[in-house]
Structures are given as C-alpha cells and as structure tokens.
Amino acid sequence: MDWRNHIYSDPEIGGGKPIFRGTRFKVDFLLKLMAAGWDAERIGLEYPGLTGEHMRAAIAFAADMLDEESFVASAQARAA
C-alpha cells in the first residue's frame, strides 16, 4: 500500500500534522486508538469516517517514518 494516496499534510488543517485525505482525522489519533487496543470494529463504530483502508495506511506511514535515517539518528541521540 502506498500511504501517500491516503495521507497528506496541510498547514491549515490539524496544525500541519499528517491527516487522512477527505477527513480532518490526524494519523497520530488513529495510531493512538490502535495502540490503546481499539480494534477496527470499535474504531468504525465510534468514528465512521475512519476505515480499514485508513488503518492500513496509518501503519504503512508509521513503518516508513521509522525507516527514516533522521528518526534513527534522533532516537539514538535520545538514548545516549
């Protein structure tokens, strides 16, 4: 999946944080729900604007961000 088809940033929306196209939902919001143990069914019931496609895009986005060299360098600096 290419998360770029589903996620973008706009300085006028959500303070420039990554959001899902066609929504005002921030990617970090969805990731936090998932990290808290919310499953796809619960997310869909509570937030009908978020779909399984959004969830897969959020995971792909997070994986790509963790693969960035700047993130690795930043994480290493904090650990030291």
PDB file of N, CA and C in Angstrom:
ATOM      1  N   MET A   1       0.846  -1.188   0.000  1.00  0.00           N
ATOM      2  CA  MET A   1       0.000   0.000   0.000  1.00  0.00           C
ATOM      3  C   MET A   1       0.883   1.239   0.000  1.00  0.00           C
ATOM      4  N   ASP A   2       0.509   2.206  -0.806  1.00  0.00           N
ATOM      5  CA  ASP A   2       1.197   3.490  -0.803  1.00  0.00           C
ATOM      6  C   ASP A   2       0.377   4.451   0.049  1.00  0.00           C
ATOM      7  N   TRP A   3       0.855   4.706   1.263  1.00  0.00           N
ATOM      8  CA  TRP A   3       0.118   5.551   2.195  1.00  0.00           C
ATOM      9  C   TRP A   3      -0.072   6.964   1.657  1.00  0.00           C
ATOM     10  N   ARG A   4       0.774   7.382   0.707  1.00  0.00           N
ATOM     11  CA  ARG A   4       0.665   8.742   0.147  1.00  0.00           C
ATOM     12  C   ARG A   4      -0.662   8.977  -0.572  1.00  0.00           C
ATOM     13  N   ASN A   5      -1.318   7.905  -0.974  1.00  0.00           N
ATOM     14  CA  ASN A   5      -2.635   8.032  -1.602  1.00  0.00           C
ATOM     15  C   ASN A   5      -3.713   8.369  -0.579  1.00  0.00           C
ATOM     16  N   HIS A   6      -3.401   8.210   0.706  1.00  0.00           N
ATOM     17  CA  HIS A   6      -4.410   8.373   1.755  1.00  0.00           C
ATOM     18  C   HIS A   6      -4.053   9.436   2.795  1.00  0.00           C
ATOM     19  N   ILE A   7      -2.781   9.812   2.867  1.00  0.00           N
ATOM     20  CA  ILE A   7      -2.311  10.702   3.929  1.00  0.00           C
ATOM     21  C   ILE A   7      -1.568  11.885   3.324  1.00  0.00           C
ATOM     22  N   TYR A   8      -1.812  13.062   3.883  1.00  0.00           N
ATOM     23  CA  TYR A   8      -1.063  14.247   3.458  1.00  0.00           C
ATOM     24  C   TYR A   8      -1.002  15.232   4.620  1.00  0.00           C
ATOM     25  N   SER A   9      -0.243  16.290   4.448  1.00  0.00           N
ATOM     26  CA  SER A   9      -0.157  17.348   5.455  1.00  0.00           C
ATOM     27  C   SER A   9      -0.587  18.662   4.823  1.00  0.00           C
ATOM     28  N   ASP A  10      -1.311  19.451   5.595  1.00  0.00           N
ATOM     29  CA  ASP A  10      -1.738  20.777   5.172  1.00  0.00           C
ATOM     30  C   ASP A  10      -1.583  21.696   6.378  1.00  0.00           C
ATOM     31  N   PRO A  11      -0.755  22.730   6.274  1.00  0.00           N
ATOM     32  CA  PRO A  11      -0.546  23.616   7.420  1.00  0.00           C
ATOM     33  C   PRO A  11      -1.836  24.251   7.949  1.00  0.00           C
ATOM     34  N   GLU A  12      -2.863  24.302   7.126  1.00  0.00           N
ATOM     35  CA  GLU A  12      -4.137  24.910   7.527  1.00  0.00           C
ATOM     36  C   GLU A  12      -5.046  23.932   8.270  1.00  0.00           C
ATOM     37  N   ILE A  13      -4.692  22.656   8.280  1.00  0.00           N
ATOM     38  CA  ILE A  13      -5.541  21.636   8.904  1.00  0.00           C
ATOM     39  C   ILE A  13      -4.705  20.848   9.907  1.00  0.00           C
ATOM     40  N   GLY A  14      -5.186  20.770  11.120  1.00  0.00           N
ATOM     41  CA  GLY A  14      -4.525  19.952  12.130  1.00  0.00           C
ATOM     42  C   GLY A  14      -3.121  20.394  12.485  1.00  0.00           C
ATOM     43  N   GLY A  15      -2.838  21.675  12.314  1.00  0.00           N
ATOM     44  CA  GLY A  15      -1.515  22.174  12.651  1.00  0.00           C
ATOM     45  C   GLY A  15      -0.405  21.615  11.778  1.00  0.00           C
ATOM     46  N   GLY A  16      -0.772  21.116  10.612  1.00  0.00           N
ATOM     47  CA  GLY A  16       0.230  20.589   9.697  1.00  0.00           C
ATOM     48  C   GLY A  16       0.593  19.137   9.947  1.00  0.00           C
ATOM     49  N   LYS A  17      -0.034  18.517  10.957  1.00  0.00           N
ATOM     50  CA  LYS A  17       0.226  17.095  11.205  1.00  0.00           C
ATOM     51  C   LYS A  17      -0.385  16.272  10.079  1.00  0.00           C
ATOM     52  N   PRO A  18       0.169  15.084   9.810  1.00  0.00           N
ATOM     53  CA  PRO A  18      -0.398  14.228   8.760  1.00  0.00           C
ATOM     54  C   PRO A  18      -1.851  13.868   9.055  1.00  0.00           C
ATOM     55  N   ILE A  19      -2.695  14.023   8.036  1.00  0.00           N
ATOM     56  CA  ILE A  19      -4.114  13.697   8.150  1.00  0.00           C
ATOM     57  C   ILE A  19      -4.527  12.813   6.982  1.00  0.00           C
ATOM     58  N   PHE A  20      -5.697  12.210   7.119  1.00  0.00           N
ATOM     59  CA  PHE A  20      -6.240  11.375   6.048  1.00  0.00           C
ATOM     60  C   PHE A  20      -6.993  12.249   5.051  1.00  0.00           C
ATOM     61  N   ARG A  21      -6.753  12.010   3.785  1.00  0.00           N
ATOM     62  CA  ARG A  21      -7.428  12.772   2.725  1.00  0.00           C
ATOM     63  C   ARG A  21      -8.946  12.684   2.895  1.00  0.00           C
ATOM     64  N   GLY A  22      -9.584  13.814   2.712  1.00  0.00           N
ATOM     65  CA  GLY A  22     -11.041  13.854   2.793  1.00  0.00           C
ATOM     66  C   GLY A  22     -11.586  13.869   4.209  1.00  0.00           C
ATOM     67  N   THR A  23     -10.700  13.936   5.202  1.00  0.00           N
ATOM     68  CA  THR A  23     -11.134  13.979   6.599  1.00  0.00           C
ATOM     69  C   THR A  23     -10.319  15.041   7.329  1.00  0.00           C
ATOM     70  N   ARG A  24     -10.630  15.206   8.582  1.00  0.00           N
ATOM     71  CA  ARG A  24      -9.801  16.031   9.462  1.00  0.00           C
ATOM     72  C   ARG A  24      -9.170  15.158  10.545  1.00  0.00           C
ATOM     73  N   PHE A  25      -9.230  13.845  10.349  1.00  0.00           N
ATOM     74  CA  PHE A  25      -8.626  12.923  11.310  1.00  0.00           C
ATOM     75  C   PHE A  25      -7.115  12.893  11.132  1.00  0.00           C
ATOM     76  N   LYS A  26      -6.393  13.084  12.235  1.00  0.00           N
ATOM     77  CA  LYS A  26      -4.942  13.013  12.210  1.00  0.00           C
ATOM     78  C   LYS A  26      -4.494  11.562  12.310  1.00  0.00           C
ATOM     79  N   VAL A  27      -3.410  11.262  11.634  1.00  0.00           N
ATOM     80  CA  VAL A  27      -2.863   9.908  11.635  1.00  0.00           C
ATOM     81  C   VAL A  27      -2.488   9.494  13.054  1.00  0.00           C
ATOM     82  N   ASP A  28      -1.874  10.399  13.814  1.00  0.00           N
ATOM     83  CA  ASP A  28      -1.459  10.016  15.166  1.00  0.00           C
ATOM     84  C   ASP A  28      -2.655   9.674  16.052  1.00  0.00           C
ATOM     85  N   PHE A  29      -3.809  10.310  15.817  1.00  0.00           N
ATOM     86  CA  PHE A  29      -5.015   9.985  16.572  1.00  0.00           C
ATOM     87  C   PHE A  29      -5.406   8.524  16.359  1.00  0.00           C
ATOM     88  N   LEU A  30      -5.430   8.111  15.101  1.00  0.00           N
ATOM     89  CA  LEU A  30      -5.802   6.731  14.795  1.00  0.00           C
ATOM     90  C   LEU A  30      -4.770   5.753  15.358  1.00  0.00           C
ATOM     91  N   LEU A  31      -3.504   6.067  15.219  1.00  0.00           N
ATOM     92  CA  LEU A  31      -2.460   5.179  15.753  1.00  0.00           C
ATOM     93  C   LEU A  31      -2.580   5.048  17.267  1.00  0.00           C
ATOM     94  N   LYS A  32      -2.927   6.130  17.944  1.00  0.00           N
ATOM     95  CA  LYS A  32      -3.092   6.072  19.400  1.00  0.00           C
ATOM     96  C   LYS A  32      -4.287   5.212  19.790  1.00  0.00           C
ATOM     97  N   LEU A  33      -5.367   5.288  19.028  1.00  0.00           N
ATOM     98  CA  LEU A  33      -6.515   4.416  19.288  1.00  0.00           C
ATOM     99  C   LEU A  33      -6.107   2.949  19.145  1.00  0.00           C
ATOM    100  N   MET A  34      -5.395   2.665  18.079  1.00  0.00           N
ATOM    101  CA  MET A  34      -4.960   1.285  17.830  1.00  0.00           C
ATOM    102  C   MET A  34      -3.999   0.818  18.927  1.00  0.00           C
ATOM    103  N   ALA A  35      -3.098   1.685  19.351  1.00  0.00           N
ATOM    104  CA  ALA A  35      -2.149   1.338  20.411  1.00  0.00           C
ATOM    105  C   ALA A  35      -2.867   1.090  21.739  1.00  0.00           C
ATOM    106  N   ALA A  36      -4.004   1.759  21.935  1.00  0.00           N
ATOM    107  CA  ALA A  36      -4.792   1.583  23.157  1.00  0.00           C
ATOM    108  C   ALA A  36      -5.644   0.321  23.116  1.00  0.00           C
ATOM    109  N   GLY A  37      -5.568  -0.419  22.016  1.00  0.00           N
ATOM    110  CA  GLY A  37      -6.287  -1.684  21.925  1.00  0.00           C
ATOM    111  C   GLY A  37      -7.608  -1.635  21.187  1.00  0.00           C
ATOM    112  N   TRP A  38      -7.931  -0.491  20.610  1.00  0.00           N
ATOM    113  CA  TRP A  38      -9.169  -0.414  19.842  1.00  0.00           C
ATOM    114  C   TRP A  38      -9.015  -1.246  18.585  1.00  0.00           C
ATOM    115  N   ASP A  39     -10.011  -2.078  18.289  1.00  0.00           N
ATOM    116  CA  ASP A  39      -9.969  -2.853  17.048  1.00  0.00           C
ATOM    117  C   ASP A  39     -10.722  -2.107  15.945  1.00  0.00           C
ATOM    118  N   ALA A  40     -10.636  -2.648  14.743  1.00  0.00           N
ATOM    119  CA  ALA A  40     -11.232  -1.992  13.579  1.00  0.00           C
ATOM    120  C   ALA A  40     -12.736  -1.787  13.750  1.00  0.00           C
ATOM    121  N   GLU A  41     -13.403  -2.755  14.342  1.00  0.00           N
ATOM    122  CA  GLU A  41     -14.854  -2.641  14.521  1.00  0.00           C
ATOM    123  C   GLU A  41     -15.204  -1.474  15.446  1.00  0.00           C
ATOM    124  N   ARG A  42     -14.514  -1.375  16.562  1.00  0.00           N
ATOM    125  CA  ARG A  42     -14.799  -0.298  17.508  1.00  0.00           C
ATOM    126  C   ARG A  42     -14.488   1.073  16.904  1.00  0.00           C
ATOM    127  N   ILE A  43     -13.349   1.160  16.209  1.00  0.00           N
ATOM    128  CA  ILE A  43     -12.982   2.429  15.578  1.00  0.00           C
ATOM    129  C   ILE A  43     -14.048   2.835  14.565  1.00  0.00           C
ATOM    130  N   GLY A  44     -14.494   1.871  13.748  1.00  0.00           N
ATOM    131  CA  GLY A  44     -15.515   2.150  12.742  1.00  0.00           C
ATOM    132  C   GLY A  44     -16.842   2.593  13.344  1.00  0.00           C
ATOM    133  N   LEU A  45     -17.188   2.009  14.497  1.00  0.00           N
ATOM    134  CA  LEU A  45     -18.439   2.385  15.156  1.00  0.00           C
ATOM    135  C   LEU A  45     -18.357   3.778  15.773  1.00  0.00           C
ATOM    136  N   GLU A  46     -17.260   4.068  16.422  1.00  0.00           N
ATOM    137  CA  GLU A  46     -17.100   5.356  17.095  1.00  0.00           C
ATOM    138  C   GLU A  46     -16.759   6.491  16.135  1.00  0.00           C
ATOM    139  N   TYR A  47     -16.015   6.157  15.087  1.00  0.00           N
ATOM    140  CA  TYR A  47     -15.556   7.160  14.113  1.00  0.00           C
ATOM    141  C   TYR A  47     -15.812   6.639  12.703  1.00  0.00           C
ATOM    142  N   PRO A  48     -17.060   6.740  12.213  1.00  0.00           N
ATOM    143  CA  PRO A  48     -17.412   6.164  10.918  1.00  0.00           C
ATOM    144  C   PRO A  48     -16.585   6.696   9.747  1.00  0.00           C
ATOM    145  N   GLY A  49     -15.946   7.839   9.910  1.00  0.00           N
ATOM    146  CA  GLY A  49     -15.113   8.390   8.839  1.00  0.00           C
ATOM    147  C   GLY A  49     -13.784   7.672   8.681  1.00  0.00           C
ATOM    148  N   LEU A  50     -13.432   6.834   9.652  1.00  0.00           N
ATOM    149  CA  LEU A  50     -12.177   6.082   9.580  1.00  0.00           C
ATOM    150  C   LEU A  50     -12.471   4.653   9.137  1.00  0.00           C
ATOM    151  N   THR A  51     -11.754   4.222   8.122  1.00  0.00           N
ATOM    152  CA  THR A  51     -11.998   2.906   7.539  1.00  0.00           C
ATOM    153  C   THR A  51     -10.782   1.995   7.709  1.00  0.00           C
ATOM    154  N   GLY A  52     -10.958   0.755   7.323  1.00  0.00           N
ATOM    155  CA  GLY A  52      -9.844  -0.186   7.331  1.00  0.00           C
ATOM    156  C   GLY A  52      -8.707   0.283   6.441  1.00  0.00           C
ATOM    157  N   GLU A  53      -9.053   0.936   5.360  1.00  0.00           N
ATOM    158  CA  GLU A  53      -8.038   1.482   4.454  1.00  0.00           C
ATOM    159  C   GLU A  53      -7.202   2.546   5.171  1.00  0.00           C
ATOM    160  N   HIS A  54      -7.856   3.370   5.972  1.00  0.00           N
ATOM    161  CA  HIS A  54      -7.130   4.372   6.756  1.00  0.00           C
ATOM    162  C   HIS A  54      -6.185   3.691   7.744  1.00  0.00           C
ATOM    163  N   MET A  55      -6.656   2.628   8.362  1.00  0.00           N
ATOM    164  CA  MET A  55      -5.833   1.915   9.343  1.00  0.00           C
ATOM    165  C   MET A  55      -4.587   1.327   8.688  1.00  0.00           C
ATOM    166  N   ARG A  56      -4.754   0.717   7.543  1.00  0.00           N
ATOM    167  CA  ARG A  56      -3.598   0.150   6.831  1.00  0.00           C
ATOM    168  C   ARG A  56      -2.649   1.259   6.375  1.00  0.00           C
ATOM    169  N   ALA A  57      -3.187   2.378   5.930  1.00  0.00           N
ATOM    170  CA  ALA A  57      -2.346   3.498   5.514  1.00  0.00           C
ATOM    171  C   ALA A  57      -1.562   4.048   6.703  1.00  0.00           C
ATOM    172  N   ALA A  58      -2.206   4.141   7.870  1.00  0.00           N
ATOM    173  CA  ALA A  58      -1.527   4.647   9.067  1.00  0.00           C
ATOM    174  C   ALA A  58      -0.362   3.748   9.458  1.00  0.00           C
ATOM    175  N   ILE A  59      -0.566   2.453   9.370  1.00  0.00           N
ATOM    176  CA  ILE A  59       0.505   1.505   9.707  1.00  0.00           C
ATOM    177  C   ILE A  59       1.641   1.616   8.695  1.00  0.00           C
ATOM    178  N   ALA A  60       1.310   1.712   7.421  1.00  0.00           N
ATOM    179  CA  ALA A  60       2.341   1.855   6.382  1.00  0.00           C
ATOM    180  C   ALA A  60       3.107   3.168   6.574  1.00  0.00           C
ATOM    181  N   PHE A  61       2.394   4.234   6.919  1.00  0.00           N
ATOM    182  CA  PHE A  61       3.021   5.529   7.167  1.00  0.00           C
ATOM    183  C   PHE A  61       3.996   5.425   8.341  1.00  0.00           C
ATOM    184  N   ALA A  62       3.541   4.835   9.446  1.00  0.00           N
ATOM    185  CA  ALA A  62       4.395   4.697  10.630  1.00  0.00           C
ATOM    186  C   ALA A  62       5.636   3.868  10.310  1.00  0.00           C
ATOM    187  N   ALA A  63       5.465   2.795   9.559  1.00  0.00           N
ATOM    188  CA  ALA A  63       6.603   1.956   9.186  1.00  0.00           C
ATOM    189  C   ALA A  63       7.613   2.747   8.358  1.00  0.00           C
ATOM    190  N   ASP A  64       7.128   3.537   7.416  1.00  0.00           N
ATOM    191  CA  ASP A  64       8.036   4.350   6.601  1.00  0.00           C
ATOM    192  C   ASP A  64       8.744   5.409   7.438  1.00  0.00           C
ATOM    193  N   MET A  65       8.035   6.014   8.371  1.00  0.00           N
ATOM    194  CA  MET A  65       8.650   7.034   9.217  1.00  0.00           C
ATOM    195  C   MET A  65       9.740   6.428  10.096  1.00  0.00           C
ATOM    196  N   LEU A  66       9.524   5.222  10.583  1.00  0.00           N
ATOM    197  CA  LEU A  66      10.530   4.556  11.412  1.00  0.00           C
ATOM    198  C   LEU A  66      11.742   4.133  10.603  1.00  0.00           C
ATOM    199  N   ASP A  67      11.564   4.045   9.310  1.00  0.00           N
ATOM    200  CA  ASP A  67      12.647   3.643   8.421  1.00  0.00           C
ATOM    201  C   ASP A  67      13.532   4.829   8.034  1.00  0.00           C
ATOM    202  N   GLU A  68      13.098   6.035   8.373  1.00  0.00           N
ATOM    203  CA  GLU A  68      13.845   7.236   8.024  1.00  0.00           C
ATOM    204  C   GLU A  68      15.138   7.329   8.829  1.00  0.00           C
ATOM    205  N   GLU A  69      16.224   7.679   8.173  1.00  0.00           N
ATOM    206  CA  GLU A  69      17.506   7.811   8.857  1.00  0.00           C
ATOM    207  C   GLU A  69      17.466   8.884   9.932  1.00  0.00           C
ATOM    208  N   SER A  70      16.749   9.975   9.702  1.00  0.00           N
ATOM    209  CA  SER A  70      16.704  11.049  10.700  1.00  0.00           C
ATOM    210  C   SER A  70      16.033  10.580  11.974  1.00  0.00           C
ATOM    211  N   PHE A  71      15.036   9.697  11.868  1.00  0.00           N
ATOM    212  CA  PHE A  71      14.393   9.162  13.056  1.00  0.00           C
ATOM    213  C   PHE A  71      15.371   8.300  13.832  1.00  0.00           C
ATOM    214  N   VAL A  72      16.112   7.457  13.134  1.00  0.00           N
ATOM    215  CA  VAL A  72      17.083   6.577  13.773  1.00  0.00           C
ATOM    216  C   VAL A  72      18.125   7.405  14.504  1.00  0.00           C
ATOM    217  N   ALA A  73      18.643   8.431  13.862  1.00  0.00           N
ATOM    218  CA  ALA A  73      19.657   9.276  14.481  1.00  0.00           C
ATOM    219  C   ALA A  73      19.083   9.993  15.704  1.00  0.00           C
ATOM    220  N   SER A  74      17.843  10.460  15.611  1.00  0.00           N
ATOM    221  CA  SER A  74      17.202  11.147  16.715  1.00  0.00           C
ATOM    222  C   SER A  74      16.993  10.196  17.893  1.00  0.00           C
ATOM    223  N   ALA A  75      16.537   8.992  17.626  1.00  0.00           N
ATOM    224  CA  ALA A  75      16.321   8.003  18.670  1.00  0.00           C
ATOM    225  C   ALA A  75      17.629   7.621  19.352  1.00  0.00           C
ATOM    226  N   GLN A  76      18.698   7.499  18.579  1.00  0.00           N
ATOM    227  CA  GLN A  76      19.999   7.162  19.152  1.00  0.00           C
ATOM    228  C   GLN A  76      20.495   8.290  20.042  1.00  0.00           C
ATOM    229  N   ALA A  77      20.278   9.529  19.630  1.00  0.00           N
ATOM    230  CA  ALA A  77      20.727  10.684  20.407  1.00  0.00           C
ATOM    231  C   ALA A  77      19.992  10.738  21.742  1.00  0.00           C
ATOM    232  N   ARG A  78      18.716  10.427  21.748  1.00  0.00           N
ATOM    233  CA  ARG A  78      17.933  10.456  22.993  1.00  0.00           C
ATOM    234  C   ARG A  78      18.347   9.342  23.942  1.00  0.00           C
ATOM    235  N   ALA A  79      18.747   8.207  23.390  1.00  0.00           N
ATOM    236  CA  ALA A  79      19.120   7.063  24.220  1.00  0.00           C
ATOM    237  C   ALA A  79      20.466   7.284  24.902  1.00  0.00           C
ATOM    238  N   ALA A  80      21.297   8.109  24.332  1.00  0.00           N
ATOM    239  CA  ALA A  80      22.653   8.324  24.870  1.00  0.00           C
ATOM    240  C   ALA A  80      22.679   9.163  26.109  1.00  0.00           C
TER     241      ALA A  80
END
